[in-house]
Amino acid sequence: MSLKIRLARGGSKKRPVYRVVVADARSPRDGRFIEKLGSYSPLLPSDSGQRFVIDLEKAAEWIKKGAQPTDRVARFLAANGLGTWAHGNNPNKGKPGQKAQEREAEKNQAALDAAEAAEQAKADAAEAAAAAAAAPEPEVVEEVAEVAAEEAPAEEAPAEEAAPE
């Protein structure tokens, strides 16, 4: 059985008051608990002595027995001189979910496809421009054809066949 020192919510709607309790880790947040160690009233000013009240001796005994404080309770206990609290680091907390990652991948793929299509169109346009520059102008082609026609010997008409004697 794993034990937790955690906060159990009480109070009315939008007026929270928490009990600091020792409970089985599998029990509900506001459900059954083993022992009440103190209280936490977040609506009180932070410099108020009644904001966080806990029996440090009982908390130390439960920690010796193997109870693990939650992150929030560990912070409060460290502020009161019981144990140390190191800032928790959860690098996965800020990562988007699986569907958001899939949408991002699709968006990136579409952007890559669009960039490739733009480069292909640019390359085709450059190729067409190079082909147009290499091809002779139509007027020159017509003049060359006319000169070639004039210089070519005219085809002789077929000789008339001799009549048989």
N, C-alpha and C. Protein backbone atom coordinates (compact mmCIF):
# COMPACT_ATOMS: atom_id res chain seq x y z
N MET A 1 0.86 -1.19 0.00
CA MET A 1 0.00 0.00 0.00
C MET A 1 0.90 1.24 0.00
N SER A 2 0.75 2.08 -1.02
CA SER A 2 1.55 3.30 -1.06
C SER A 2 0.74 4.45 -0.47
N LEU A 3 1.39 5.20 0.37
CA LEU A 3 0.74 6.31 1.06
C LEU A 3 1.18 7.64 0.46
N LYS A 4 0.25 8.58 0.45
CA LYS A 4 0.53 9.92 -0.03
C LYS A 4 0.12 10.93 1.02
N ILE A 5 0.91 11.97 1.14
CA ILE A 5 0.49 13.14 1.92
C ILE A 5 0.04 14.14 0.88
N ARG A 6 -1.24 14.44 0.88
CA ARG A 6 -1.80 15.26 -0.18
C ARG A 6 -2.90 16.17 0.32
N LEU A 7 -3.43 16.99 -0.59
CA LEU A 7 -4.50 17.91 -0.26
C LEU A 7 -5.84 17.29 -0.64
N ALA A 8 -6.82 17.42 0.25
CA ALA A 8 -8.19 16.98 -0.03
C ALA A 8 -9.06 18.23 -0.01
N ARG A 9 -9.79 18.47 -1.09
CA ARG A 9 -10.55 19.72 -1.22
C ARG A 9 -11.82 19.68 -0.40
N GLY A 10 -12.11 20.80 0.18
CA GLY A 10 -13.36 21.00 0.90
C GLY A 10 -13.84 22.41 0.60
N GLY A 11 -14.84 22.88 1.31
CA GLY A 11 -15.35 24.22 1.09
C GLY A 11 -16.42 24.22 0.02
N SER A 12 -16.95 25.40 -0.25
CA SER A 12 -18.03 25.50 -1.22
C SER A 12 -17.49 25.93 -2.57
N LYS A 13 -18.40 26.12 -3.51
CA LYS A 13 -18.03 26.48 -4.87
C LYS A 13 -17.27 27.81 -4.87
N LYS A 14 -16.12 27.83 -5.50
CA LYS A 14 -15.25 28.99 -5.63
C LYS A 14 -14.73 29.51 -4.30
N ARG A 15 -14.83 28.72 -3.25
CA ARG A 15 -14.31 29.08 -1.93
C ARG A 15 -13.55 27.87 -1.38
N PRO A 16 -12.42 27.47 -1.97
CA PRO A 16 -11.76 26.24 -1.57
C PRO A 16 -11.07 26.33 -0.21
N VAL A 17 -11.12 25.22 0.48
CA VAL A 17 -10.36 25.00 1.70
C VAL A 17 -9.85 23.57 1.59
N TYR A 18 -8.59 23.35 1.89
CA TYR A 18 -8.01 22.02 1.73
C TYR A 18 -7.57 21.47 3.08
N ARG A 19 -7.70 20.15 3.23
CA ARG A 19 -7.13 19.44 4.38
C ARG A 19 -5.87 18.75 3.89
N VAL A 20 -4.83 18.80 4.71
CA VAL A 20 -3.62 18.04 4.40
C VAL A 20 -3.81 16.69 5.07
N VAL A 21 -3.85 15.62 4.26
CA VAL A 21 -4.18 14.30 4.79
C VAL A 21 -3.16 13.27 4.34
N VAL A 22 -3.12 12.17 5.08
CA VAL A 22 -2.37 10.99 4.67
C VAL A 22 -3.42 10.02 4.16
N ALA A 23 -3.25 9.55 2.92
CA ALA A 23 -4.25 8.66 2.33
C ALA A 23 -3.56 7.64 1.45
N ASP A 24 -4.29 6.56 1.19
CA ASP A 24 -3.82 5.56 0.23
C ASP A 24 -3.82 6.23 -1.14
N ALA A 25 -2.80 5.98 -1.93
CA ALA A 25 -2.67 6.62 -3.23
C ALA A 25 -3.81 6.26 -4.17
N ARG A 26 -4.45 5.09 -3.93
CA ARG A 26 -5.54 4.65 -4.81
C ARG A 26 -6.89 5.24 -4.45
N SER A 27 -7.01 5.86 -3.28
CA SER A 27 -8.30 6.41 -2.86
C SER A 27 -8.57 7.74 -3.58
N PRO A 28 -9.85 8.14 -3.71
CA PRO A 28 -10.17 9.38 -4.40
C PRO A 28 -9.60 10.61 -3.69
N ARG A 29 -9.46 11.68 -4.42
CA ARG A 29 -8.88 12.91 -3.86
C ARG A 29 -9.59 13.36 -2.59
N ASP A 30 -10.89 13.41 -2.63
CA ASP A 30 -11.66 13.90 -1.48
C ASP A 30 -12.23 12.77 -0.66
N GLY A 31 -11.80 11.54 -0.92
CA GLY A 31 -12.39 10.38 -0.27
C GLY A 31 -11.73 10.04 1.05
N ARG A 32 -11.72 8.74 1.33
CA ARG A 32 -11.24 8.22 2.60
C ARG A 32 -9.77 8.56 2.81
N PHE A 33 -9.43 8.91 4.05
CA PHE A 33 -8.04 9.19 4.39
C PHE A 33 -7.72 8.54 5.73
N ILE A 34 -6.44 8.43 6.04
CA ILE A 34 -6.00 7.77 7.27
C ILE A 34 -5.91 8.76 8.41
N GLU A 35 -5.29 9.91 8.16
CA GLU A 35 -5.14 10.89 9.23
C GLU A 35 -5.06 12.29 8.64
N LYS A 36 -5.64 13.25 9.36
CA LYS A 36 -5.56 14.65 8.95
C LYS A 36 -4.35 15.26 9.64
N LEU A 37 -3.50 15.91 8.84
CA LEU A 37 -2.29 16.52 9.38
C LEU A 37 -2.38 18.03 9.51
N GLY A 38 -3.21 18.68 8.72
CA GLY A 38 -3.31 20.13 8.78
C GLY A 38 -4.31 20.65 7.78
N SER A 39 -4.20 21.94 7.46
CA SER A 39 -5.12 22.57 6.52
C SER A 39 -4.40 23.63 5.69
N TYR A 40 -5.03 23.98 4.58
CA TYR A 40 -4.51 25.00 3.67
C TYR A 40 -5.69 25.80 3.16
N SER A 41 -5.62 27.14 3.35
CA SER A 41 -6.69 28.04 2.90
C SER A 41 -6.10 29.03 1.90
N PRO A 42 -6.24 28.75 0.61
CA PRO A 42 -5.60 29.60 -0.40
C PRO A 42 -6.18 31.01 -0.50
N LEU A 43 -7.36 31.25 0.05
CA LEU A 43 -7.97 32.58 -0.04
C LEU A 43 -7.39 33.56 0.97
N LEU A 44 -6.70 33.05 1.99
CA LEU A 44 -6.07 33.94 2.96
C LEU A 44 -4.81 34.56 2.36
N PRO A 45 -4.40 35.72 2.86
CA PRO A 45 -3.18 36.34 2.32
C PRO A 45 -1.97 35.45 2.56
N SER A 46 -0.98 35.56 1.67
CA SER A 46 0.18 34.67 1.75
C SER A 46 1.00 34.89 3.01
N ASP A 47 0.93 36.06 3.62
CA ASP A 47 1.69 36.29 4.84
C ASP A 47 0.93 35.90 6.10
N SER A 48 -0.29 35.41 5.93
CA SER A 48 -1.09 35.00 7.08
C SER A 48 -0.57 33.68 7.66
N GLY A 49 -0.54 33.58 8.98
CA GLY A 49 -0.08 32.36 9.63
C GLY A 49 -1.08 31.22 9.52
N GLN A 50 -2.33 31.53 9.21
CA GLN A 50 -3.37 30.51 9.13
C GLN A 50 -3.55 29.96 7.72
N ARG A 51 -2.78 30.47 6.76
CA ARG A 51 -2.92 29.99 5.37
C ARG A 51 -2.53 28.52 5.25
N PHE A 52 -1.40 28.13 5.82
CA PHE A 52 -0.98 26.73 5.79
C PHE A 52 -0.61 26.34 7.21
N VAL A 53 -1.37 25.41 7.77
CA VAL A 53 -1.15 24.93 9.13
C VAL A 53 -0.96 23.42 9.05
N ILE A 54 0.13 22.92 9.66
CA ILE A 54 0.39 21.48 9.63
C ILE A 54 1.12 21.07 10.90
N ASP A 55 0.86 19.86 11.32
CA ASP A 55 1.59 19.28 12.45
C ASP A 55 2.85 18.64 11.88
N LEU A 56 3.98 19.34 12.03
CA LEU A 56 5.23 18.89 11.41
C LEU A 56 5.73 17.57 12.00
N GLU A 57 5.47 17.33 13.29
CA GLU A 57 5.92 16.07 13.91
C GLU A 57 5.21 14.88 13.29
N LYS A 58 3.90 14.99 13.12
CA LYS A 58 3.13 13.89 12.51
C LYS A 58 3.57 13.69 11.05
N ALA A 59 3.78 14.79 10.35
CA ALA A 59 4.20 14.69 8.95
C ALA A 59 5.56 13.99 8.86
N ALA A 60 6.48 14.33 9.75
CA ALA A 60 7.80 13.69 9.74
C ALA A 60 7.67 12.20 10.03
N GLU A 61 6.78 11.82 10.96
CA GLU A 61 6.57 10.40 11.26
C GLU A 61 6.04 9.65 10.04
N TRP A 62 5.07 10.24 9.35
CA TRP A 62 4.49 9.58 8.18
C TRP A 62 5.52 9.47 7.05
N ILE A 63 6.36 10.47 6.92
CA ILE A 63 7.41 10.40 5.88
C ILE A 63 8.39 9.29 6.21
N LYS A 64 8.71 9.11 7.52
CA LYS A 64 9.60 8.02 7.93
C LYS A 64 8.96 6.67 7.65
N LYS A 65 7.63 6.60 7.73
CA LYS A 65 6.92 5.35 7.46
C LYS A 65 6.79 5.07 5.96
N GLY A 66 7.19 6.03 5.13
CA GLY A 66 7.17 5.79 3.69
C GLY A 66 6.14 6.59 2.92
N ALA A 67 5.42 7.49 3.56
CA ALA A 67 4.44 8.31 2.84
C ALA A 67 5.17 9.34 1.98
N GLN A 68 4.72 9.47 0.74
CA GLN A 68 5.33 10.41 -0.20
C GLN A 68 4.46 11.66 -0.32
N PRO A 69 5.01 12.85 -0.04
CA PRO A 69 4.20 14.06 -0.23
C PRO A 69 4.06 14.39 -1.71
N THR A 70 2.92 14.93 -2.06
CA THR A 70 2.73 15.38 -3.44
C THR A 70 3.59 16.62 -3.66
N ASP A 71 3.71 17.06 -4.89
CA ASP A 71 4.58 18.18 -5.21
C ASP A 71 4.18 19.43 -4.43
N ARG A 72 2.89 19.75 -4.39
CA ARG A 72 2.41 20.95 -3.69
C ARG A 72 2.67 20.84 -2.19
N VAL A 73 2.38 19.70 -1.59
CA VAL A 73 2.60 19.53 -0.16
C VAL A 73 4.10 19.55 0.15
N ALA A 74 4.92 18.95 -0.72
CA ALA A 74 6.37 18.96 -0.50
C ALA A 74 6.88 20.40 -0.50
N ARG A 75 6.32 21.24 -1.35
CA ARG A 75 6.71 22.65 -1.38
C ARG A 75 6.37 23.33 -0.05
N PHE A 76 5.17 23.07 0.46
CA PHE A 76 4.77 23.66 1.74
C PHE A 76 5.63 23.15 2.89
N LEU A 77 5.90 21.85 2.89
CA LEU A 77 6.72 21.27 3.95
C LEU A 77 8.14 21.84 3.92
N ALA A 78 8.71 22.01 2.75
CA ALA A 78 10.05 22.58 2.64
C ALA A 78 10.06 24.02 3.12
N ALA A 79 8.98 24.76 2.85
CA ALA A 79 8.89 26.14 3.33
C ALA A 79 8.84 26.19 4.86
N ASN A 80 8.31 25.12 5.49
CA ASN A 80 8.24 25.06 6.95
C ASN A 80 9.43 24.33 7.56
N GLY A 81 10.41 23.98 6.76
CA GLY A 81 11.64 23.40 7.29
C GLY A 81 11.69 21.89 7.35
N LEU A 82 10.73 21.21 6.75
CA LEU A 82 10.73 19.75 6.77
C LEU A 82 11.07 19.24 5.37
N GLY A 83 12.30 18.76 5.20
CA GLY A 83 12.71 18.24 3.90
C GLY A 83 13.09 19.34 2.93
N THR A 84 13.37 18.93 1.72
CA THR A 84 13.71 19.88 0.66
C THR A 84 12.78 19.66 -0.51
N TRP A 85 12.59 20.71 -1.25
CA TRP A 85 11.74 20.62 -2.45
C TRP A 85 12.55 21.10 -3.63
N ALA A 86 12.62 20.27 -4.66
CA ALA A 86 13.28 20.66 -5.90
C ALA A 86 12.21 20.83 -6.96
N HIS A 87 12.36 21.85 -7.74
CA HIS A 87 11.37 22.12 -8.78
C HIS A 87 11.24 20.91 -9.68
N GLY A 88 10.02 20.42 -9.84
CA GLY A 88 9.78 19.28 -10.72
C GLY A 88 9.97 19.68 -12.17
N ASN A 89 10.54 18.79 -12.96
CA ASN A 89 10.74 19.06 -14.37
C ASN A 89 10.01 18.00 -15.17
N ASN A 90 9.00 18.42 -15.88
CA ASN A 90 8.25 17.50 -16.73
C ASN A 90 8.39 17.99 -18.17
N PRO A 91 9.37 17.49 -18.91
CA PRO A 91 9.57 17.99 -20.27
C PRO A 91 8.44 17.63 -21.22
N ASN A 92 7.62 16.66 -20.88
CA ASN A 92 6.52 16.26 -21.77
C ASN A 92 5.26 17.08 -21.54
N LYS A 93 5.23 17.89 -20.48
CA LYS A 93 4.02 18.63 -20.16
C LYS A 93 3.64 19.61 -21.26
N GLY A 94 4.62 20.27 -21.84
CA GLY A 94 4.32 21.27 -22.86
C GLY A 94 4.20 20.72 -24.26
N LYS A 95 4.43 19.44 -24.45
CA LYS A 95 4.35 18.87 -25.79
C LYS A 95 2.89 18.75 -26.23
N PRO A 96 2.62 19.02 -27.51
CA PRO A 96 1.26 18.83 -28.00
C PRO A 96 0.90 17.35 -28.06
N GLY A 97 -0.38 17.07 -28.11
CA GLY A 97 -0.85 15.69 -28.16
C GLY A 97 -0.58 15.05 -29.51
N GLN A 98 -0.97 13.78 -29.63
CA GLN A 98 -0.67 13.02 -30.84
C GLN A 98 -1.38 13.60 -32.05
N LYS A 99 -2.66 13.96 -31.91
CA LYS A 99 -3.39 14.49 -33.06
C LYS A 99 -2.83 15.83 -33.50
N ALA A 100 -2.44 16.65 -32.53
CA ALA A 100 -1.84 17.94 -32.88
C ALA A 100 -0.51 17.74 -33.60
N GLN A 101 0.26 16.74 -33.19
CA GLN A 101 1.52 16.44 -33.86
C GLN A 101 1.26 15.96 -35.29
N GLU A 102 0.20 15.14 -35.48
CA GLU A 102 -0.14 14.67 -36.82
C GLU A 102 -0.56 15.83 -37.72
N ARG A 103 -1.38 16.76 -37.17
CA ARG A 103 -1.79 17.93 -37.95
C ARG A 103 -0.58 18.78 -38.33
N GLU A 104 0.35 18.93 -37.41
CA GLU A 104 1.56 19.71 -37.67
C GLU A 104 2.39 19.04 -38.77
N ALA A 105 2.49 17.70 -38.72
CA ALA A 105 3.24 16.98 -39.75
C ALA A 105 2.58 17.14 -41.12
N GLU A 106 1.24 17.06 -41.17
CA GLU A 106 0.53 17.25 -42.44
C GLU A 106 0.75 18.66 -42.96
N LYS A 107 0.71 19.64 -42.07
CA LYS A 107 0.90 21.03 -42.46
C LYS A 107 2.31 21.23 -43.02
N ASN A 108 3.30 20.65 -42.36
CA ASN A 108 4.68 20.76 -42.84
C ASN A 108 4.86 20.07 -44.19
N GLN A 109 4.22 18.89 -44.37
CA GLN A 109 4.32 18.17 -45.63
C GLN A 109 3.68 18.98 -46.76
N ALA A 110 2.54 19.61 -46.47
CA ALA A 110 1.87 20.44 -47.49
C ALA A 110 2.76 21.62 -47.87
N ALA A 111 3.43 22.21 -46.88
CA ALA A 111 4.32 23.34 -47.17
C ALA A 111 5.50 22.88 -48.03
N LEU A 112 6.05 21.69 -47.71
CA LEU A 112 7.16 21.16 -48.52
C LEU A 112 6.71 20.89 -49.95
N ASP A 113 5.52 20.29 -50.10
CA ASP A 113 4.98 20.01 -51.43
C ASP A 113 4.79 21.30 -52.23
N ALA A 114 4.26 22.33 -51.57
CA ALA A 114 4.04 23.61 -52.24
C ALA A 114 5.37 24.23 -52.65
N ALA A 115 6.39 24.13 -51.80
CA ALA A 115 7.71 24.67 -52.12
C ALA A 115 8.33 23.92 -53.31
N GLU A 116 8.19 22.59 -53.32
CA GLU A 116 8.71 21.80 -54.43
C GLU A 116 8.00 22.15 -55.73
N ALA A 117 6.68 22.33 -55.66
CA ALA A 117 5.91 22.69 -56.85
C ALA A 117 6.34 24.06 -57.37
N ALA A 118 6.59 25.00 -56.46
CA ALA A 118 7.03 26.33 -56.87
C ALA A 118 8.41 26.26 -57.52
N GLU A 119 9.31 25.46 -56.95
CA GLU A 119 10.64 25.32 -57.54
C GLU A 119 10.56 24.64 -58.90
N GLN A 120 9.69 23.65 -59.04
CA GLN A 120 9.53 22.95 -60.32
C GLN A 120 8.99 23.91 -61.37
N ALA A 121 8.01 24.74 -60.98
CA ALA A 121 7.45 25.72 -61.92
C ALA A 121 8.51 26.74 -62.32
N LYS A 122 9.32 27.14 -61.35
CA LYS A 122 10.40 28.09 -61.63
C LYS A 122 11.43 27.47 -62.59
N ALA A 123 11.77 26.20 -62.35
CA ALA A 123 12.72 25.51 -63.22
C ALA A 123 12.14 25.34 -64.63
N ASP A 124 10.84 24.99 -64.73
CA ASP A 124 10.19 24.85 -66.04
C ASP A 124 10.18 26.18 -66.79
N ALA A 125 9.92 27.27 -66.06
CA ALA A 125 9.90 28.60 -66.69
C ALA A 125 11.30 28.96 -67.19
N ALA A 126 12.32 28.66 -66.38
CA ALA A 126 13.70 28.96 -66.80
C ALA A 126 14.09 28.12 -68.01
N GLU A 127 13.66 26.86 -68.01
CA GLU A 127 13.96 25.97 -69.14
C GLU A 127 13.27 26.46 -70.41
N ALA A 128 12.02 26.89 -70.28
CA ALA A 128 11.28 27.41 -71.43
C ALA A 128 11.94 28.68 -71.95
N ALA A 129 12.41 29.53 -71.03
CA ALA A 129 13.07 30.76 -71.45
C ALA A 129 14.37 30.44 -72.16
N ALA A 130 15.12 29.46 -71.67
CA ALA A 130 16.37 29.07 -72.32
C ALA A 130 16.09 28.49 -73.71
N ALA A 131 15.05 27.68 -73.83
CA ALA A 131 14.69 27.09 -75.11
C ALA A 131 14.26 28.18 -76.10
N ALA A 132 13.53 29.17 -75.60
CA ALA A 132 13.08 30.26 -76.47
C ALA A 132 14.27 31.09 -76.93
N ALA A 133 15.25 31.28 -76.07
CA ALA A 133 16.43 32.07 -76.44
C ALA A 133 17.28 31.31 -77.45
N ALA A 134 17.34 29.99 -77.35
CA ALA A 134 18.15 29.19 -78.26
C ALA A 134 17.49 29.02 -79.62
N ALA A 135 16.19 29.03 -79.68
CA ALA A 135 15.48 28.83 -80.95
C ALA A 135 15.59 30.11 -81.79
N PRO A 136 15.76 29.95 -83.12
CA PRO A 136 15.84 31.14 -83.98
C PRO A 136 14.48 31.82 -84.04
N GLU A 137 14.55 33.10 -84.36
CA GLU A 137 13.30 33.86 -84.45
C GLU A 137 12.52 33.38 -85.67
N PRO A 138 11.20 33.43 -85.66
CA PRO A 138 10.39 32.94 -86.78
C PRO A 138 10.69 33.66 -88.10
N GLU A 139 10.99 34.98 -88.07
CA GLU A 139 11.27 35.72 -89.30
C GLU A 139 12.53 35.17 -89.96
N VAL A 140 13.55 34.86 -89.14
CA VAL A 140 14.80 34.34 -89.67
C VAL A 140 14.55 32.98 -90.31
N VAL A 141 13.72 32.17 -89.66
CA VAL A 141 13.42 30.84 -90.20
C VAL A 141 12.74 30.97 -91.55
N GLU A 142 11.80 31.92 -91.71
CA GLU A 142 11.11 32.11 -92.98
C GLU A 142 12.10 32.55 -94.07
N GLU A 143 13.00 33.49 -93.74
CA GLU A 143 13.98 33.97 -94.72
C GLU A 143 14.90 32.84 -95.16
N VAL A 144 15.34 32.03 -94.21
CA VAL A 144 16.21 30.91 -94.54
C VAL A 144 15.48 29.94 -95.45
N ALA A 145 14.21 29.71 -95.21
CA ALA A 145 13.41 28.80 -96.04
C ALA A 145 13.27 29.35 -97.45
N GLU A 146 13.05 30.68 -97.59
CA GLU A 146 12.91 31.29 -98.91
C GLU A 146 14.21 31.19 -99.69
N VAL A 147 15.35 31.48 -99.03
CA VAL A 147 16.64 31.41 -99.70
C VAL A 147 16.92 29.97 -100.15
N ALA A 148 16.60 29.03 -99.31
CA ALA A 148 16.83 27.63 -99.64
C ALA A 148 15.97 27.23 -100.83
N ALA A 149 14.79 27.75 -100.94
CA ALA A 149 13.89 27.41 -102.04
C ALA A 149 14.42 28.00 -103.35
N GLU A 150 14.98 29.19 -103.29
CA GLU A 150 15.49 29.82 -104.50
C GLU A 150 16.75 29.10 -104.99
N GLU A 151 17.61 28.71 -104.09
CA GLU A 151 18.86 28.09 -104.49
C GLU A 151 18.69 26.65 -104.95
N ALA A 152 17.69 25.99 -104.48
CA ALA A 152 17.50 24.60 -104.83
C ALA A 152 17.13 24.50 -106.31
N PRO A 153 17.75 23.56 -107.05
CA PRO A 153 17.40 23.43 -108.47
C PRO A 153 15.96 22.95 -108.60
N ALA A 154 15.35 23.52 -109.55
CA ALA A 154 13.96 23.14 -109.77
C ALA A 154 13.92 21.71 -110.25
N GLU A 155 12.97 21.04 -109.81
CA GLU A 155 12.87 19.64 -110.21
C GLU A 155 12.49 19.61 -111.70
N GLU A 156 13.16 18.76 -112.41
CA GLU A 156 12.84 18.63 -113.82
C GLU A 156 11.61 17.80 -113.98
N ALA A 157 10.86 18.20 -114.95
CA ALA A 157 9.64 17.44 -115.21
C ALA A 157 10.03 16.10 -115.77
N PRO A 158 9.32 15.09 -115.48
CA PRO A 158 9.69 13.78 -116.01
C PRO A 158 9.70 13.79 -117.54
N ALA A 159 10.68 13.17 -118.10
CA ALA A 159 10.76 13.13 -119.55
C ALA A 159 9.60 12.35 -120.10
N GLU A 160 9.17 12.88 -121.24
CA GLU A 160 8.04 12.17 -121.84
C GLU A 160 8.55 10.84 -122.35
N GLU A 161 7.73 9.92 -122.17
CA GLU A 161 8.15 8.59 -122.61
C GLU A 161 8.11 8.55 -124.14
N ALA A 162 9.07 7.94 -124.65
CA ALA A 162 9.10 7.84 -126.11
C ALA A 162 8.03 6.86 -126.55
N ALA A 163 7.44 7.24 -127.66
CA ALA A 163 6.40 6.37 -128.17
C ALA A 163 7.02 5.16 -128.83
N PRO A 164 6.46 4.06 -128.73
CA PRO A 164 7.04 2.86 -129.33
C PRO A 164 6.94 2.93 -130.85
N GLU A 165 7.89 2.51 -131.51
CA GLU A 165 7.89 2.56 -132.97
C GLU A 165 7.29 1.38 -133.53
